[in-house]
Amino acid sequence: MAPLSSGAPPHAWPKQRRYPRYRTDLPLRVGDNQERHLGGRCIGIAEGGLGGVLPEPIPVGCVVQLWLAVPTHPALLAVWAVVRYQVGLHHGFEFVSLKEGERVSIRQFCSELAMQLASG
């Protein structure tokens, strides 16, 4: 898969994703390597990452920590991610180094969102 920053035209990107994405609306906090902590919103989630809107742009390639309250996890998730795309204030984050419990909670949440979508 060509990274978004590769300069490849959009039509050259694969249509199929590794994990389906689901719309959601959850509070999100992001910390970067410049000691910034930004509050924002998680607007989409998948087993491999999430989409969020932040008050300031964070450049593609930055490693960040995300704090997110996923309803299927007993505590606030604090996970590491890399910024894979940034357009304006919209960002795409790919999870890195998820622990098994975190992965299971995110998978369960995505399953719940899929069932809600299927039931209309």
N, C-alpha and C. Protein backbone atom coordinates (compact mmCIF):
# COMPACT_ATOMS: atom_id res chain seq x y z
N MET A 1 0.84 -1.17 0.00
CA MET A 1 0.00 0.00 0.00
C MET A 1 0.89 1.23 0.00
N ALA A 2 0.64 2.15 -0.90
CA ALA A 2 1.42 3.38 -0.97
C ALA A 2 1.01 4.32 0.14
N PRO A 3 1.98 4.88 0.88
CA PRO A 3 1.61 5.83 1.93
C PRO A 3 1.01 7.08 1.30
N LEU A 4 0.14 7.76 2.05
CA LEU A 4 -0.52 8.95 1.52
C LEU A 4 0.46 10.03 1.13
N SER A 5 1.61 10.06 1.75
CA SER A 5 2.58 11.11 1.44
C SER A 5 3.48 10.75 0.26
N SER A 6 3.19 9.64 -0.42
CA SER A 6 4.08 9.18 -1.48
C SER A 6 3.95 9.99 -2.75
N GLY A 7 2.90 10.80 -2.86
CA GLY A 7 2.68 11.54 -4.08
C GLY A 7 1.89 10.74 -5.11
N ALA A 8 1.53 9.51 -4.79
CA ALA A 8 0.73 8.70 -5.71
C ALA A 8 -0.65 9.32 -5.84
N PRO A 9 -1.21 9.33 -7.06
CA PRO A 9 -2.55 9.90 -7.22
C PRO A 9 -3.58 9.07 -6.47
N PRO A 10 -4.67 9.72 -6.00
CA PRO A 10 -5.67 9.00 -5.20
C PRO A 10 -6.21 7.75 -5.87
N HIS A 11 -6.35 7.75 -7.18
CA HIS A 11 -6.90 6.58 -7.86
C HIS A 11 -5.96 5.38 -7.79
N ALA A 12 -4.70 5.59 -7.42
CA ALA A 12 -3.73 4.50 -7.33
C ALA A 12 -3.76 3.82 -5.96
N TRP A 13 -4.47 4.42 -5.00
CA TRP A 13 -4.52 3.83 -3.66
C TRP A 13 -5.46 2.64 -3.67
N PRO A 14 -5.17 1.64 -2.87
CA PRO A 14 -6.06 0.48 -2.81
C PRO A 14 -7.45 0.86 -2.32
N LYS A 15 -8.47 0.26 -2.87
CA LYS A 15 -9.84 0.52 -2.45
C LYS A 15 -10.19 -0.26 -1.19
N GLN A 16 -9.58 -1.42 -1.02
CA GLN A 16 -9.89 -2.29 0.11
C GLN A 16 -9.01 -1.94 1.30
N ARG A 17 -9.63 -1.82 2.45
CA ARG A 17 -8.89 -1.55 3.69
C ARG A 17 -8.73 -2.85 4.46
N ARG A 18 -7.74 -2.87 5.31
CA ARG A 18 -7.50 -4.03 6.16
C ARG A 18 -8.66 -4.25 7.13
N TYR A 19 -9.19 -3.15 7.68
CA TYR A 19 -10.28 -3.22 8.65
C TYR A 19 -11.37 -2.23 8.25
N PRO A 20 -12.63 -2.62 8.39
CA PRO A 20 -13.71 -1.65 8.11
C PRO A 20 -13.71 -0.53 9.14
N ARG A 21 -14.10 0.65 8.68
CA ARG A 21 -14.17 1.81 9.57
C ARG A 21 -15.62 2.08 9.94
N TYR A 22 -15.82 2.61 11.14
CA TYR A 22 -17.16 2.89 11.64
C TYR A 22 -17.21 4.31 12.18
N ARG A 23 -18.28 5.01 11.84
CA ARG A 23 -18.47 6.36 12.37
C ARG A 23 -18.78 6.28 13.85
N THR A 24 -18.22 7.24 14.57
CA THR A 24 -18.49 7.37 16.00
C THR A 24 -18.24 8.82 16.37
N ASP A 25 -18.50 9.17 17.59
CA ASP A 25 -18.24 10.52 18.08
C ASP A 25 -17.87 10.42 19.55
N LEU A 26 -16.57 10.42 19.79
CA LEU A 26 -16.05 10.27 21.15
C LEU A 26 -15.01 11.34 21.43
N PRO A 27 -14.90 11.78 22.69
CA PRO A 27 -13.81 12.71 23.04
C PRO A 27 -12.45 12.03 22.81
N LEU A 28 -11.51 12.83 22.36
CA LEU A 28 -10.16 12.33 22.04
C LEU A 28 -9.16 13.35 22.56
N ARG A 29 -8.09 12.84 23.14
CA ARG A 29 -6.98 13.71 23.53
C ARG A 29 -5.72 13.16 22.87
N VAL A 30 -4.90 14.06 22.36
CA VAL A 30 -3.69 13.66 21.63
C VAL A 30 -2.49 14.41 22.20
N GLY A 31 -1.43 13.66 22.49
CA GLY A 31 -0.17 14.25 22.94
C GLY A 31 0.90 13.97 21.91
N ASP A 32 1.68 14.99 21.56
CA ASP A 32 2.74 14.79 20.57
C ASP A 32 4.11 15.00 21.20
N ASN A 33 5.14 14.90 20.38
CA ASN A 33 6.52 15.01 20.88
C ASN A 33 6.92 16.43 21.23
N GLN A 34 6.04 17.40 21.01
CA GLN A 34 6.32 18.78 21.39
C GLN A 34 5.63 19.13 22.70
N GLU A 35 5.23 18.10 23.44
CA GLU A 35 4.57 18.26 24.74
C GLU A 35 3.23 18.97 24.62
N ARG A 36 2.64 18.96 23.42
CA ARG A 36 1.30 19.51 23.26
C ARG A 36 0.28 18.44 23.63
N HIS A 37 -0.80 18.86 24.23
CA HIS A 37 -1.93 17.98 24.50
C HIS A 37 -3.15 18.67 23.92
N LEU A 38 -3.70 18.07 22.88
CA LEU A 38 -4.82 18.66 22.16
C LEU A 38 -6.08 17.86 22.42
N GLY A 39 -7.16 18.56 22.68
CA GLY A 39 -8.46 17.91 22.80
C GLY A 39 -9.12 17.92 21.44
N GLY A 40 -9.83 16.86 21.12
CA GLY A 40 -10.51 16.79 19.84
C GLY A 40 -11.62 15.76 19.90
N ARG A 41 -12.04 15.30 18.72
CA ARG A 41 -13.10 14.31 18.61
C ARG A 41 -12.65 13.17 17.73
N CYS A 42 -12.94 11.96 18.16
CA CYS A 42 -12.76 10.77 17.34
C CYS A 42 -14.04 10.65 16.51
N ILE A 43 -13.91 10.67 15.18
CA ILE A 43 -15.10 10.63 14.33
C ILE A 43 -15.24 9.31 13.58
N GLY A 44 -14.24 8.47 13.66
CA GLY A 44 -14.30 7.16 13.02
C GLY A 44 -13.27 6.25 13.65
N ILE A 45 -13.59 4.95 13.71
CA ILE A 45 -12.66 4.02 14.34
C ILE A 45 -12.66 2.70 13.58
N ALA A 46 -11.53 2.03 13.61
CA ALA A 46 -11.35 0.69 13.04
C ALA A 46 -10.39 -0.05 13.96
N GLU A 47 -10.24 -1.33 13.72
CA GLU A 47 -9.31 -2.11 14.55
C GLU A 47 -7.88 -1.62 14.40
N GLY A 48 -7.56 -1.00 13.28
CA GLY A 48 -6.19 -0.57 13.02
C GLY A 48 -5.90 0.89 13.30
N GLY A 49 -6.92 1.68 13.61
CA GLY A 49 -6.67 3.09 13.83
C GLY A 49 -7.95 3.88 13.97
N LEU A 50 -7.81 5.20 13.95
CA LEU A 50 -8.99 6.05 14.06
C LEU A 50 -8.80 7.35 13.30
N GLY A 51 -9.91 8.00 13.04
CA GLY A 51 -9.91 9.32 12.43
C GLY A 51 -10.36 10.32 13.47
N GLY A 52 -9.72 11.47 13.48
CA GLY A 52 -10.06 12.47 14.46
C GLY A 52 -9.93 13.88 13.93
N VAL A 53 -10.63 14.78 14.59
CA VAL A 53 -10.56 16.21 14.28
C VAL A 53 -9.95 16.89 15.49
N LEU A 54 -8.90 17.68 15.23
CA LEU A 54 -8.15 18.36 16.28
C LEU A 54 -8.16 19.86 16.03
N PRO A 55 -7.88 20.67 17.04
CA PRO A 55 -7.87 22.12 16.85
C PRO A 55 -6.63 22.64 16.12
N GLU A 56 -5.58 21.82 16.01
CA GLU A 56 -4.34 22.19 15.31
C GLU A 56 -3.87 21.00 14.49
N PRO A 57 -3.21 21.25 13.37
CA PRO A 57 -2.67 20.12 12.60
C PRO A 57 -1.43 19.51 13.25
N ILE A 58 -1.32 18.19 13.11
CA ILE A 58 -0.11 17.46 13.50
C ILE A 58 0.41 16.82 12.23
N PRO A 59 1.67 17.01 11.89
CA PRO A 59 2.20 16.53 10.61
C PRO A 59 2.19 15.01 10.48
N VAL A 60 2.04 14.57 9.24
CA VAL A 60 2.11 13.15 8.91
C VAL A 60 3.46 12.60 9.35
N GLY A 61 3.45 11.40 9.92
CA GLY A 61 4.67 10.74 10.37
C GLY A 61 4.96 10.91 11.85
N CYS A 62 4.30 11.87 12.50
CA CYS A 62 4.53 12.07 13.94
C CYS A 62 3.95 10.90 14.74
N VAL A 63 4.68 10.49 15.75
CA VAL A 63 4.19 9.48 16.68
C VAL A 63 3.54 10.23 17.83
N VAL A 64 2.32 9.82 18.18
CA VAL A 64 1.55 10.51 19.20
C VAL A 64 0.96 9.50 20.17
N GLN A 65 0.54 9.99 21.32
CA GLN A 65 -0.22 9.15 22.24
C GLN A 65 -1.66 9.63 22.19
N LEU A 66 -2.59 8.67 22.12
CA LEU A 66 -4.01 8.96 22.08
C LEU A 66 -4.65 8.49 23.38
N TRP A 67 -5.55 9.29 23.91
CA TRP A 67 -6.35 8.92 25.06
C TRP A 67 -7.80 8.93 24.61
N LEU A 68 -8.46 7.81 24.82
CA LEU A 68 -9.80 7.63 24.27
C LEU A 68 -10.62 6.75 25.21
N ALA A 69 -11.85 7.17 25.49
CA ALA A 69 -12.76 6.37 26.31
C ALA A 69 -13.62 5.52 25.39
N VAL A 70 -13.23 4.25 25.25
CA VAL A 70 -13.99 3.30 24.43
C VAL A 70 -14.96 2.58 25.37
N PRO A 71 -16.27 2.58 25.05
CA PRO A 71 -17.25 1.99 25.97
C PRO A 71 -16.99 0.53 26.34
N THR A 72 -16.27 -0.22 25.52
CA THR A 72 -16.02 -1.63 25.80
C THR A 72 -14.75 -1.86 26.60
N HIS A 73 -14.06 -0.78 26.99
CA HIS A 73 -12.82 -0.91 27.77
C HIS A 73 -13.07 -0.35 29.17
N PRO A 74 -12.60 -1.03 30.21
CA PRO A 74 -12.91 -0.61 31.59
C PRO A 74 -12.28 0.71 32.01
N ALA A 75 -11.25 1.16 31.32
CA ALA A 75 -10.58 2.40 31.69
C ALA A 75 -10.26 3.20 30.43
N LEU A 76 -9.80 4.41 30.62
CA LEU A 76 -9.38 5.24 29.50
C LEU A 76 -8.25 4.54 28.74
N LEU A 77 -8.40 4.40 27.44
CA LEU A 77 -7.33 3.81 26.63
C LEU A 77 -6.25 4.86 26.41
N ALA A 78 -5.02 4.49 26.60
CA ALA A 78 -3.87 5.33 26.28
C ALA A 78 -3.00 4.51 25.33
N VAL A 79 -3.06 4.84 24.05
CA VAL A 79 -2.37 4.04 23.03
C VAL A 79 -1.48 4.93 22.17
N TRP A 80 -0.47 4.30 21.58
CA TRP A 80 0.44 5.00 20.68
C TRP A 80 -0.05 4.84 19.26
N ALA A 81 0.16 5.89 18.47
CA ALA A 81 -0.26 5.86 17.07
C ALA A 81 0.68 6.74 16.25
N VAL A 82 0.64 6.55 14.95
CA VAL A 82 1.38 7.40 14.03
C VAL A 82 0.37 8.11 13.14
N VAL A 83 0.63 9.38 12.86
CA VAL A 83 -0.25 10.15 11.98
C VAL A 83 0.01 9.69 10.55
N ARG A 84 -1.02 9.13 9.91
CA ARG A 84 -0.89 8.63 8.54
C ARG A 84 -1.41 9.62 7.51
N TYR A 85 -2.36 10.46 7.91
CA TYR A 85 -2.78 11.54 7.01
C TYR A 85 -3.25 12.72 7.83
N GLN A 86 -3.16 13.87 7.20
CA GLN A 86 -3.60 15.11 7.84
C GLN A 86 -4.05 16.04 6.72
N VAL A 87 -5.32 16.38 6.73
CA VAL A 87 -5.89 17.33 5.77
C VAL A 87 -6.64 18.36 6.59
N GLY A 88 -6.12 19.57 6.63
CA GLY A 88 -6.72 20.58 7.49
C GLY A 88 -6.60 20.13 8.93
N LEU A 89 -7.74 20.05 9.59
CA LEU A 89 -7.75 19.62 11.00
C LEU A 89 -8.14 18.16 11.15
N HIS A 90 -8.38 17.47 10.02
CA HIS A 90 -8.72 16.04 10.04
C HIS A 90 -7.45 15.22 9.99
N HIS A 91 -7.41 14.18 10.83
CA HIS A 91 -6.22 13.34 10.95
C HIS A 91 -6.60 11.87 10.91
N GLY A 92 -5.71 11.07 10.39
CA GLY A 92 -5.84 9.63 10.44
C GLY A 92 -4.69 9.07 11.24
N PHE A 93 -5.00 8.26 12.24
CA PHE A 93 -3.99 7.69 13.13
C PHE A 93 -3.99 6.17 12.99
N GLU A 94 -2.82 5.59 12.84
CA GLU A 94 -2.68 4.13 12.83
C GLU A 94 -2.13 3.71 14.19
N PHE A 95 -2.84 2.78 14.84
CA PHE A 95 -2.39 2.29 16.13
C PHE A 95 -1.07 1.53 15.97
N VAL A 96 -0.18 1.69 16.95
CA VAL A 96 1.06 0.91 16.99
C VAL A 96 1.19 0.32 18.39
N SER A 97 1.66 -0.90 18.46
CA SER A 97 1.95 -1.56 19.74
C SER A 97 0.75 -1.66 20.67
N LEU A 98 -0.41 -2.05 20.13
CA LEU A 98 -1.57 -2.26 21.01
C LEU A 98 -1.34 -3.50 21.87
N LYS A 99 -1.74 -3.41 23.13
CA LYS A 99 -1.75 -4.58 23.99
C LYS A 99 -2.98 -5.41 23.63
N GLU A 100 -2.96 -6.69 23.96
CA GLU A 100 -4.05 -7.58 23.56
C GLU A 100 -5.40 -7.11 24.11
N GLY A 101 -5.44 -6.66 25.37
CA GLY A 101 -6.69 -6.18 25.95
C GLY A 101 -7.22 -4.95 25.23
N GLU A 102 -6.33 -4.07 24.82
CA GLU A 102 -6.74 -2.87 24.07
C GLU A 102 -7.30 -3.27 22.71
N ARG A 103 -6.61 -4.20 22.06
CA ARG A 103 -7.05 -4.67 20.74
C ARG A 103 -8.44 -5.32 20.84
N VAL A 104 -8.64 -6.13 21.87
CA VAL A 104 -9.94 -6.80 22.06
C VAL A 104 -11.04 -5.76 22.30
N SER A 105 -10.78 -4.77 23.14
CA SER A 105 -11.78 -3.73 23.43
C SER A 105 -12.14 -2.96 22.18
N ILE A 106 -11.16 -2.59 21.37
CA ILE A 106 -11.43 -1.86 20.14
C ILE A 106 -12.21 -2.75 19.16
N ARG A 107 -11.82 -4.01 19.06
CA ARG A 107 -12.54 -4.95 18.18
C ARG A 107 -14.00 -5.09 18.63
N GLN A 108 -14.23 -5.21 19.94
CA GLN A 108 -15.60 -5.33 20.46
C GLN A 108 -16.41 -4.07 20.17
N PHE A 109 -15.79 -2.92 20.34
CA PHE A 109 -16.49 -1.66 20.06
C PHE A 109 -16.85 -1.58 18.59
N CYS A 110 -15.93 -1.94 17.71
CA CYS A 110 -16.21 -1.93 16.28
C CYS A 110 -17.35 -2.91 15.95
N SER A 111 -17.36 -4.05 16.60
CA SER A 111 -18.44 -5.03 16.38
C SER A 111 -19.78 -4.46 16.81
N GLU A 112 -19.81 -3.76 17.94
CA GLU A 112 -21.04 -3.12 18.39
C GLU A 112 -21.52 -2.07 17.41
N LEU A 113 -20.58 -1.27 16.88
CA LEU A 113 -20.94 -0.26 15.89
C LEU A 113 -21.47 -0.90 14.62
N ALA A 114 -20.88 -2.03 14.21
CA ALA A 114 -21.33 -2.75 13.02
C ALA A 114 -22.75 -3.27 13.22
N MET A 115 -23.05 -3.80 14.41
CA MET A 115 -24.40 -4.30 14.70
C MET A 115 -25.42 -3.17 14.69
N GLN A 116 -25.04 -2.00 15.24
CA GLN A 116 -25.94 -0.84 15.22
C GLN A 116 -26.23 -0.41 13.79
N LEU A 117 -25.19 -0.43 12.97
CA LEU A 117 -25.34 -0.04 11.57
C LEU A 117 -26.25 -1.02 10.83
N ALA A 118 -26.09 -2.31 11.11
CA ALA A 118 -26.89 -3.34 10.44
C ALA A 118 -28.36 -3.29 10.86
N SER A 119 -28.61 -2.89 12.11
CA SER A 119 -30.00 -2.87 12.59
C SER A 119 -30.72 -1.57 12.20
N GLY A 120 -29.97 -0.65 11.62
CA GLY A 120 -30.58 0.58 11.09
C GLY A 120 -30.76 1.61 12.10
